[in-house]
PDB file of N, CA and C in Angstrom:
ATOM      1  N   MET A   1     156.774 116.370  76.513  1.00  0.00           N
ATOM      2  CA  MET A   1     156.663 117.788  76.777  1.00  0.00           C
ATOM      3  C   MET A   1     155.433 118.355  76.047  1.00  0.00           C
ATOM      4  N   LEU A   2     154.620 119.066  76.765  1.00  0.00           N
ATOM      5  CA  LEU A   2     153.435 119.667  76.168  1.00  0.00           C
ATOM      6  C   LEU A   2     153.777 120.993  75.492  1.00  0.00           C
ATOM      7  N   THR A   3     153.224 121.198  74.316  1.00  0.00           N
ATOM      8  CA  THR A   3     153.407 122.471  73.661  1.00  0.00           C
ATOM      9  C   THR A   3     152.533 123.514  74.363  1.00  0.00           C
ATOM     10  N   THR A   4     152.836 124.763  74.099  1.00  0.00           N
ATOM     11  CA  THR A   4     152.038 125.823  74.732  1.00  0.00           C
ATOM     12  C   THR A   4     150.585 125.773  74.342  1.00  0.00           C
ATOM     13  N   LYS A   5     150.327 125.456  73.074  1.00  0.00           N
ATOM     14  CA  LYS A   5     148.933 125.399  72.627  1.00  0.00           C
ATOM     15  C   LYS A   5     148.168 124.266  73.328  1.00  0.00           C
ATOM     16  N   LYS A   6     148.813 123.095  73.460  1.00  0.00           N
ATOM     17  CA  LYS A   6     148.159 121.974  74.127  1.00  0.00           C
ATOM     18  C   LYS A   6     147.927 122.280  75.588  1.00  0.00           C
ATOM     19  N   LYS A   7     148.903 122.891  76.221  1.00  0.00           N
ATOM     20  CA  LYS A   7     148.796 123.210  77.626  1.00  0.00           C
ATOM     21  C   LYS A   7     147.677 124.229  77.859  1.00  0.00           C
ATOM     22  N   THR A   8     147.602 125.231  76.997  1.00  0.00           N
ATOM     23  CA  THR A   8     146.553 126.239  77.111  1.00  0.00           C
ATOM     24  C   THR A   8     145.174 125.641  76.916  1.00  0.00           C
ATOM     25  N   ALA A   9     145.063 124.703  75.965  1.00  0.00           N
ATOM     26  CA  ALA A   9     143.776 124.030  75.730  1.00  0.00           C
ATOM     27  C   ALA A   9     143.352 123.214  76.936  1.00  0.00           C
ATOM     28  N   VAL A  10     144.288 122.492  77.542  1.00  0.00           N
ATOM     29  CA  VAL A  10     143.978 121.697  78.750  1.00  0.00           C
ATOM     30  C   VAL A  10     143.558 122.587  79.883  1.00  0.00           C
ATOM     31  N   ILE A  11     144.256 123.698  80.074  1.00  0.00           N
ATOM     32  CA  ILE A  11     143.912 124.622  81.157  1.00  0.00           C
ATOM     33  C   ILE A  11     142.545 125.214  80.928  1.00  0.00           C
ATOM     34  N   LYS A  12     142.275 125.655  79.705  1.00  0.00           N
ATOM     35  CA  LYS A  12     140.991 126.245  79.387  1.00  0.00           C
ATOM     36  C   LYS A  12     139.833 125.245  79.590  1.00  0.00           C
ATOM     37  N   ASP A  13     140.108 123.995  79.257  1.00  0.00           N
ATOM     38  CA  ASP A  13     139.079 122.943  79.371  1.00  0.00           C
ATOM     39  C   ASP A  13     138.743 122.599  80.838  1.00  0.00           C
ATOM     40  N   SER A  14     139.710 122.697  81.722  1.00  0.00           N
ATOM     41  CA  SER A  14     139.468 122.240  83.092  1.00  0.00           C
ATOM     42  C   SER A  14     139.515 123.368  84.124  1.00  0.00           C
ATOM     43  N   ALA A  15     139.641 124.604  83.711  1.00  0.00           N
ATOM     44  CA  ALA A  15     139.716 125.715  84.669  1.00  0.00           C
ATOM     45  C   ALA A  15     138.364 125.953  85.322  1.00  0.00           C
ATOM     46  N   ARG A  16     138.378 126.348  86.560  1.00  0.00           N
ATOM     47  CA  ARG A  16     137.158 126.618  87.306  1.00  0.00           C
ATOM     48  C   ARG A  16     136.647 128.020  87.050  1.00  0.00           C
ATOM     49  N   HIS A  17     137.564 128.960  86.717  1.00  0.00           N
ATOM     50  CA  HIS A  17     137.191 130.327  86.353  1.00  0.00           C
ATOM     51  C   HIS A  17     138.226 130.834  85.341  1.00  0.00           C
ATOM     52  N   ASP A  18     138.076 132.059  84.883  1.00  0.00           N
ATOM     53  CA  ASP A  18     138.889 132.555  83.769  1.00  0.00           C
ATOM     54  C   ASP A  18     140.380 132.592  84.034  1.00  0.00           C
ATOM     55  N   THR A  19     140.771 132.934  85.246  1.00  0.00           N
ATOM     56  CA  THR A  19     142.198 133.085  85.551  1.00  0.00           C
ATOM     57  C   THR A  19     142.758 131.895  86.317  1.00  0.00           C
ATOM     58  N   ASP A  20     142.055 130.779  86.312  1.00  0.00           N
ATOM     59  CA  ASP A  20     142.502 129.617  87.065  1.00  0.00           C
ATOM     60  C   ASP A  20     143.575 128.847  86.323  1.00  0.00           C
ATOM     61  N   THR A  21     144.763 128.763  86.921  1.00  0.00           N
ATOM     62  CA  THR A  21     145.832 127.968  86.335  1.00  0.00           C
ATOM     63  C   THR A  21     146.458 127.012  87.326  1.00  0.00           C
ATOM     64  N   GLY A  22     146.056 127.073  88.586  1.00  0.00           N
ATOM     65  CA  GLY A  22     146.738 126.263  89.576  1.00  0.00           C
ATOM     66  C   GLY A  22     145.859 125.406  90.461  1.00  0.00           C
ATOM     67  N   SER A  23     144.570 125.336  90.187  1.00  0.00           N
ATOM     68  CA  SER A  23     143.692 124.520  91.030  1.00  0.00           C
ATOM     69  C   SER A  23     144.037 123.052  90.853  1.00  0.00           C
ATOM     70  N   ALA A  24     143.571 122.247  91.750  1.00  0.00           N
ATOM     71  CA  ALA A  24     143.861 120.804  91.696  1.00  0.00           C
ATOM     72  C   ALA A  24     143.303 120.209  90.420  1.00  0.00           C
ATOM     73  N   ASP A  25     142.150 120.685  89.951  1.00  0.00           N
ATOM     74  CA  ASP A  25     141.566 120.183  88.716  1.00  0.00           C
ATOM     75  C   ASP A  25     142.501 120.410  87.534  1.00  0.00           C
ATOM     76  N   VAL A  26     143.021 121.592  87.436  1.00  0.00           N
ATOM     77  CA  VAL A  26     143.916 121.930  86.324  1.00  0.00           C
ATOM     78  C   VAL A  26     145.199 121.114  86.415  1.00  0.00           C
ATOM     79  N   GLN A  27     145.755 121.032  87.609  1.00  0.00           N
ATOM     80  CA  GLN A  27     146.999 120.283  87.778  1.00  0.00           C
ATOM     81  C   GLN A  27     146.855 118.819  87.422  1.00  0.00           C
ATOM     82  N   VAL A  28     145.739 118.208  87.842  1.00  0.00           N
ATOM     83  CA  VAL A  28     145.510 116.816  87.526  1.00  0.00           C
ATOM     84  C   VAL A  28     145.347 116.639  86.018  1.00  0.00           C
ATOM     85  N   SER A  29     144.633 117.551  85.382  1.00  0.00           N
ATOM     86  CA  SER A  29     144.433 117.465  83.947  1.00  0.00           C
ATOM     87  C   SER A  29     145.757 117.595  83.184  1.00  0.00           C
ATOM     88  N   LEU A  30     146.583 118.531  83.581  1.00  0.00           N
ATOM     89  CA  LEU A  30     147.885 118.703  82.932  1.00  0.00           C
ATOM     90  C   LEU A  30     148.783 117.479  83.155  1.00  0.00           C
ATOM     91  N   LEU A  31     148.786 116.971  84.379  1.00  0.00           N
ATOM     92  CA  LEU A  31     149.603 115.790  84.648  1.00  0.00           C
ATOM     93  C   LEU A  31     149.109 114.595  83.858  1.00  0.00           C
ATOM     94  N   SER A  32     147.807 114.449  83.703  1.00  0.00           N
ATOM     95  CA  SER A  32     147.264 113.341  82.943  1.00  0.00           C
ATOM     96  C   SER A  32     147.697 113.410  81.488  1.00  0.00           C
ATOM     97  N   LYS A  33     147.654 114.615  80.922  1.00  0.00           N
ATOM     98  CA  LYS A  33     148.064 114.785  79.522  1.00  0.00           C
ATOM     99  C   LYS A  33     149.562 114.501  79.361  1.00  0.00           C
ATOM    100  N   GLN A  34     150.377 114.974  80.316  1.00  0.00           N
ATOM    101  CA  GLN A  34     151.815 114.715  80.249  1.00  0.00           C
ATOM    102  C   GLN A  34     152.100 113.220  80.414  1.00  0.00           C
ATOM    103  N   ILE A  35     151.377 112.573  81.280  1.00  0.00           N
ATOM    104  CA  ILE A  35     151.578 111.129  81.517  1.00  0.00           C
ATOM    105  C   ILE A  35     151.229 110.367  80.255  1.00  0.00           C
ATOM    106  N   ASP A  36     150.155 110.742  79.565  1.00  0.00           N
ATOM    107  CA  ASP A  36     149.776 110.070  78.326  1.00  0.00           C
ATOM    108  C   ASP A  36     150.875 110.216  77.257  1.00  0.00           C
ATOM    109  N   GLU A  37     151.398 111.430  77.102  1.00  0.00           N
ATOM    110  CA  GLU A  37     152.446 111.656  76.101  1.00  0.00           C
ATOM    111  C   GLU A  37     153.743 110.932  76.473  1.00  0.00           C
ATOM    112  N   LEU A  38     154.076 110.913  77.725  1.00  0.00           N
ATOM    113  CA  LEU A  38     155.310 110.237  78.145  1.00  0.00           C
ATOM    114  C   LEU A  38     155.167 108.722  78.020  1.00  0.00           C
ATOM    115  N   ALA A  39     153.985 108.202  78.257  1.00  0.00           N
ATOM    116  CA  ALA A  39     153.753 106.752  78.102  1.00  0.00           C
ATOM    117  C   ALA A  39     153.929 106.353  76.639  1.00  0.00           C
ATOM    118  N   LYS A  40     153.449 107.199  75.704  1.00  0.00           N
ATOM    119  CA  LYS A  40     153.661 106.918  74.300  1.00  0.00           C
ATOM    120  C   LYS A  40     155.149 106.902  73.953  1.00  0.00           C
ATOM    121  N   HIS A  41     155.893 107.842  74.508  1.00  0.00           N
ATOM    122  CA  HIS A  41     157.324 107.901  74.274  1.00  0.00           C
ATOM    123  C   HIS A  41     158.031 106.640  74.797  1.00  0.00           C
ATOM    124  N   LEU A  42     157.594 106.180  75.986  1.00  0.00           N
ATOM    125  CA  LEU A  42     158.248 105.030  76.568  1.00  0.00           C
ATOM    126  C   LEU A  42     157.911 103.744  75.852  1.00  0.00           C
ATOM    127  N   LYS A  43     156.792 103.679  75.143  1.00  0.00           N
ATOM    128  CA  LYS A  43     156.489 102.514  74.339  1.00  0.00           C
ATOM    129  C   LYS A  43     157.443 102.401  73.154  1.00  0.00           C
ATOM    130  N   LYS A  44     157.855 103.538  72.624  1.00  0.00           N
ATOM    131  CA  LYS A  44     158.817 103.555  71.503  1.00  0.00           C
ATOM    132  C   LYS A  44     160.245 103.383  72.003  1.00  0.00           C
ATOM    133  N   ASN A  45     160.510 103.848  73.223  1.00  0.00           N
ATOM    134  CA  ASN A  45     161.886 103.850  73.785  1.00  0.00           C
ATOM    135  C   ASN A  45     161.896 103.156  75.124  1.00  0.00           C
ATOM    136  N   PRO A  46     161.808 101.832  75.157  1.00  0.00           N
ATOM    137  CA  PRO A  46     161.673 101.103  76.441  1.00  0.00           C
ATOM    138  C   PRO A  46     162.898 101.207  77.343  1.00  0.00           C
ATOM    139  N   LYS A  47     164.054 101.559  76.823  1.00  0.00           N
ATOM    140  CA  LYS A  47     165.248 101.616  77.654  1.00  0.00           C
ATOM    141  C   LYS A  47     165.506 103.006  78.266  1.00  0.00           C
ATOM    142  N   ASP A  48     164.606 103.933  78.063  1.00  0.00           N
ATOM    143  CA  ASP A  48     164.747 105.281  78.600  1.00  0.00           C
ATOM    144  C   ASP A  48     164.353 105.309  80.065  1.00  0.00           C
ATOM    145  N   VAL A  49     165.308 104.961  80.903  1.00  0.00           N
ATOM    146  CA  VAL A  49     165.053 104.802  82.334  1.00  0.00           C
ATOM    147  C   VAL A  49     164.792 106.150  83.003  1.00  0.00           C
ATOM    148  N   HIS A  50     165.469 107.185  82.545  1.00  0.00           N
ATOM    149  CA  HIS A  50     165.302 108.489  83.173  1.00  0.00           C
ATOM    150  C   HIS A  50     163.890 109.025  82.961  1.00  0.00           C
ATOM    151  N   SER A  51     163.340 108.823  81.797  1.00  0.00           N
ATOM    152  CA  SER A  51     161.984 109.276  81.531  1.00  0.00           C
ATOM    153  C   SER A  51     160.985 108.419  82.292  1.00  0.00           C
ATOM    154  N   ARG A  52     161.277 107.150  82.475  1.00  0.00           N
ATOM    155  CA  ARG A  52     160.406 106.268  83.266  1.00  0.00           C
ATOM    156  C   ARG A  52     160.329 106.774  84.714  1.00  0.00           C
ATOM    157  N   ARG A  53     161.451 107.201  85.260  1.00  0.00           N
ATOM    158  CA  ARG A  53     161.462 107.741  86.619  1.00  0.00           C
ATOM    159  C   ARG A  53     160.601 109.004  86.698  1.00  0.00           C
ATOM    160  N   GLY A  54     160.726 109.865  85.700  1.00  0.00           N
ATOM    161  CA  GLY A  54     159.900 111.081  85.658  1.00  0.00           C
ATOM    162  C   GLY A  54     158.432 110.745  85.565  1.00  0.00           C
ATOM    163  N   LEU A  55     158.111 109.697  84.804  1.00  0.00           N
ATOM    164  CA  LEU A  55     156.713 109.274  84.688  1.00  0.00           C
ATOM    165  C   LEU A  55     156.181 108.819  86.041  1.00  0.00           C
ATOM    166  N   LEU A  56     156.965 108.046  86.749  1.00  0.00           N
ATOM    167  CA  LEU A  56     156.524 107.561  88.064  1.00  0.00           C
ATOM    168  C   LEU A  56     156.331 108.719  89.042  1.00  0.00           C
ATOM    169  N   GLN A  57     157.172 109.741  88.949  1.00  0.00           N
ATOM    170  CA  GLN A  57     157.005 110.910  89.809  1.00  0.00           C
ATOM    171  C   GLN A  57     155.723 111.658  89.459  1.00  0.00           C
ATOM    172  N   MET A  58     155.416 111.769  88.165  1.00  0.00           N
ATOM    173  CA  MET A  58     154.195 112.449  87.759  1.00  0.00           C
ATOM    174  C   MET A  58     152.965 111.680  88.213  1.00  0.00           C
ATOM    175  N   VAL A  59     153.011 110.357  88.136  1.00  0.00           N
ATOM    176  CA  VAL A  59     151.879 109.537  88.582  1.00  0.00           C
ATOM    177  C   VAL A  59     151.663 109.722  90.080  1.00  0.00           C
ATOM    178  N   ALA A  60     152.749 109.754  90.828  1.00  0.00           N
ATOM    179  CA  ALA A  60     152.612 109.948  92.284  1.00  0.00           C
ATOM    180  C   ALA A  60     152.084 111.327  92.615  1.00  0.00           C
ATOM    181  N   ASP A  61     152.512 112.321  91.856  1.00  0.00           N
ATOM    182  CA  ASP A  61     152.035 113.700  92.070  1.00  0.00           C
ATOM    183  C   ASP A  61     150.543 113.790  91.731  1.00  0.00           C
ATOM    184  N   ARG A  62     150.125 113.177  90.634  1.00  0.00           N
ATOM    185  CA  ARG A  62     148.714 113.182  90.272  1.00  0.00           C
ATOM    186  C   ARG A  62     147.869 112.463  91.323  1.00  0.00           C
ATOM    187  N   ARG A  63     148.392 111.353  91.841  1.00  0.00           N
ATOM    188  CA  ARG A  63     147.661 110.624  92.885  1.00  0.00           C
ATOM    189  C   ARG A  63     147.504 111.460  94.126  1.00  0.00           C
ATOM    190  N   ALA A  64     148.528 112.229  94.496  1.00  0.00           N
ATOM    191  CA  ALA A  64     148.430 113.096  95.654  1.00  0.00           C
ATOM    192  C   ALA A  64     147.394 114.191  95.454  1.00  0.00           C
ATOM    193  N   HIS A  65     147.362 114.787  94.275  1.00  0.00           N
ATOM    194  CA  HIS A  65     146.363 115.815  93.980  1.00  0.00           C
ATOM    195  C   HIS A  65     144.964 115.233  93.992  1.00  0.00           C
ATOM    196  N   LEU A  66     144.798 114.048  93.454  1.00  0.00           N
ATOM    197  CA  LEU A  66     143.485 113.396  93.459  1.00  0.00           C
ATOM    198  C   LEU A  66     143.042 113.053  94.878  1.00  0.00           C
ATOM    199  N   ARG A  67     143.970 112.614  95.683  1.00  0.00           N
ATOM    200  CA  ARG A  67     143.642 112.289  97.088  1.00  0.00           C
ATOM    201  C   ARG A  67     143.189 113.572  97.818  1.00  0.00           C
ATOM    202  N   TYR A  68     143.886 114.669  97.576  1.00  0.00           N
ATOM    203  CA  TYR A  68     143.481 115.938  98.189  1.00  0.00           C
ATOM    204  C   TYR A  68     142.089 116.351  97.717  1.00  0.00           C
ATOM    205  N   LEU A  69     141.861 116.235  96.414  1.00  0.00           N
ATOM    206  CA  LEU A  69     140.566 116.637  95.861  1.00  0.00           C
ATOM    207  C   LEU A  69     139.436 115.735  96.386  1.00  0.00           C
ATOM    208  N   GLU A  70     139.732 114.459  96.568  1.00  0.00           N
ATOM    209  CA  GLU A  70     138.722 113.525  97.086  1.00  0.00           C
ATOM    210  C   GLU A  70     138.324 113.883  98.516  1.00  0.00           C
ATOM    211  N   THR A  71     139.291 114.257  99.324  1.00  0.00           N
ATOM    212  CA  THR A  71     138.965 114.587 100.717  1.00  0.00           C
ATOM    213  C   THR A  71     138.322 115.955 100.860  1.00  0.00           C
ATOM    214  N   SER A  72     138.646 116.888  99.957  1.00  0.00           N
ATOM    215  CA  SER A  72     138.116 118.236 100.105  1.00  0.00           C
ATOM    216  C   SER A  72     136.782 118.441  99.414  1.00  0.00           C
ATOM    217  N   ASP A  73     136.589 117.855  98.220  1.00  0.00           N
ATOM    218  CA  ASP A  73     135.351 118.067  97.498  1.00  0.00           C
ATOM    219  C   ASP A  73     135.035 116.855  96.639  1.00  0.00           C
ATOM    220  N   LYS A  74     134.175 115.987  97.143  1.00  0.00           N
ATOM    221  CA  LYS A  74     133.852 114.719  96.458  1.00  0.00           C
ATOM    222  C   LYS A  74     133.198 114.923  95.086  1.00  0.00           C
ATOM    223  N   ARG A  75     132.357 115.948  94.966  1.00  0.00           N
ATOM    224  CA  ARG A  75     131.673 116.196  93.659  1.00  0.00           C
ATOM    225  C   ARG A  75     132.684 116.561  92.570  1.00  0.00           C
ATOM    226  N   ARG A  76     133.577 117.476  92.894  1.00  0.00           N
ATOM    227  CA  ARG A  76     134.626 117.862  91.911  1.00  0.00           C
ATOM    228  C   ARG A  76     135.492 116.655  91.576  1.00  0.00           C
ATOM    229  N   TYR A  77     135.823 115.871  92.580  1.00  0.00           N
ATOM    230  CA  TYR A  77     136.638 114.673  92.366  1.00  0.00           C
ATOM    231  C   TYR A  77     135.946 113.723  91.398  1.00  0.00           C
ATOM    232  N   SER A  78     134.680 113.427  91.668  1.00  0.00           N
ATOM    233  CA  SER A  78     133.934 112.494  90.821  1.00  0.00           C
ATOM    234  C   SER A  78     133.795 113.018  89.400  1.00  0.00           C
ATOM    235  N   ALA A  79     133.514 114.319  89.264  1.00  0.00           N
ATOM    236  CA  ALA A  79     133.387 114.918  87.932  1.00  0.00           C
ATOM    237  C   ALA A  79     134.699 114.864  87.176  1.00  0.00           C
ATOM    238  N   LEU A  80     135.789 115.128  87.854  1.00  0.00           N
ATOM    239  CA  LEU A  80     137.093 115.120  87.204  1.00  0.00           C
ATOM    240  C   LEU A  80     137.494 113.705  86.755  1.00  0.00           C
ATOM    241  N   ILE A  81     137.271 112.742  87.622  1.00  0.00           N
ATOM    242  CA  ILE A  81     137.582 111.339  87.292  1.00  0.00           C
ATOM    243  C   ILE A  81     136.805 110.913  86.041  1.00  0.00           C
ATOM    244  N   LYS A  82     135.521 111.271  86.020  1.00  0.00           N
ATOM    245  CA  LYS A  82     134.671 110.898  84.911  1.00  0.00           C
ATOM    246  C   LYS A  82     135.109 111.598  83.653  1.00  0.00           C
ATOM    247  N   LYS A  83     135.436 112.887  83.768  1.00  0.00           N
ATOM    248  CA  LYS A  83     135.840 113.692  82.603  1.00  0.00           C
ATOM    249  C   LYS A  83     137.166 113.209  81.989  1.00  0.00           C
ATOM    250  N   LEU A  84     138.109 112.823  82.836  1.00  0.00           N
ATOM    251  CA  LEU A  84     139.414 112.368  82.355  1.00  0.00           C
ATOM    252  C   LEU A  84     139.468 110.898  82.028  1.00  0.00           C
ATOM    253  N   GLY A  85     138.447 110.150  82.445  1.00  0.00           N
ATOM    254  CA  GLY A  85     138.401 108.725  82.172  1.00  0.00           C
ATOM    255  C   GLY A  85     139.363 107.949  83.058  1.00  0.00           C
ATOM    256  N   LEU A  86     139.613 108.433  84.233  1.00  0.00           N
ATOM    257  CA  LEU A  86     140.505 107.738  85.173  1.00  0.00           C
ATOM    258  C   LEU A  86     139.676 106.797  86.052  1.00  0.00           C
ATOM    259  N   LYS A  87     140.288 105.711  86.455  1.00  0.00           N
ATOM    260  CA  LYS A  87     139.640 104.803  87.385  1.00  0.00           C
ATOM    261  C   LYS A  87     140.433 104.798  88.653  1.00  0.00           C
ATOM    262  N   LYS A  88     139.745 104.580  89.727  1.00  0.00           N
ATOM    263  CA  LYS A  88     140.435 104.549  91.008  1.00  0.00           C
ATOM    264  C   LYS A  88     140.920 103.183  91.334  1.00  0.00           C
TER     265      LYS A  88
END
């Protein structure tokens, strides 16, 4: 779970304009941060099956957002992938 400060920092870092909280860029950035934190949790707690299912849902959701971004705006997609350090 992301704290409010972490979430605000991620949104501020990837927002396209001042009031942007829901663009695909922001959503992918938030999901990536949540996935990283949940992956750390699962390394410590390998039997937590419910959290593993949530992780898989987040990965699928991030993949869908990235696919949308790739088809709609290749430049933003490439910049976001590079910024987050994701590989296709």
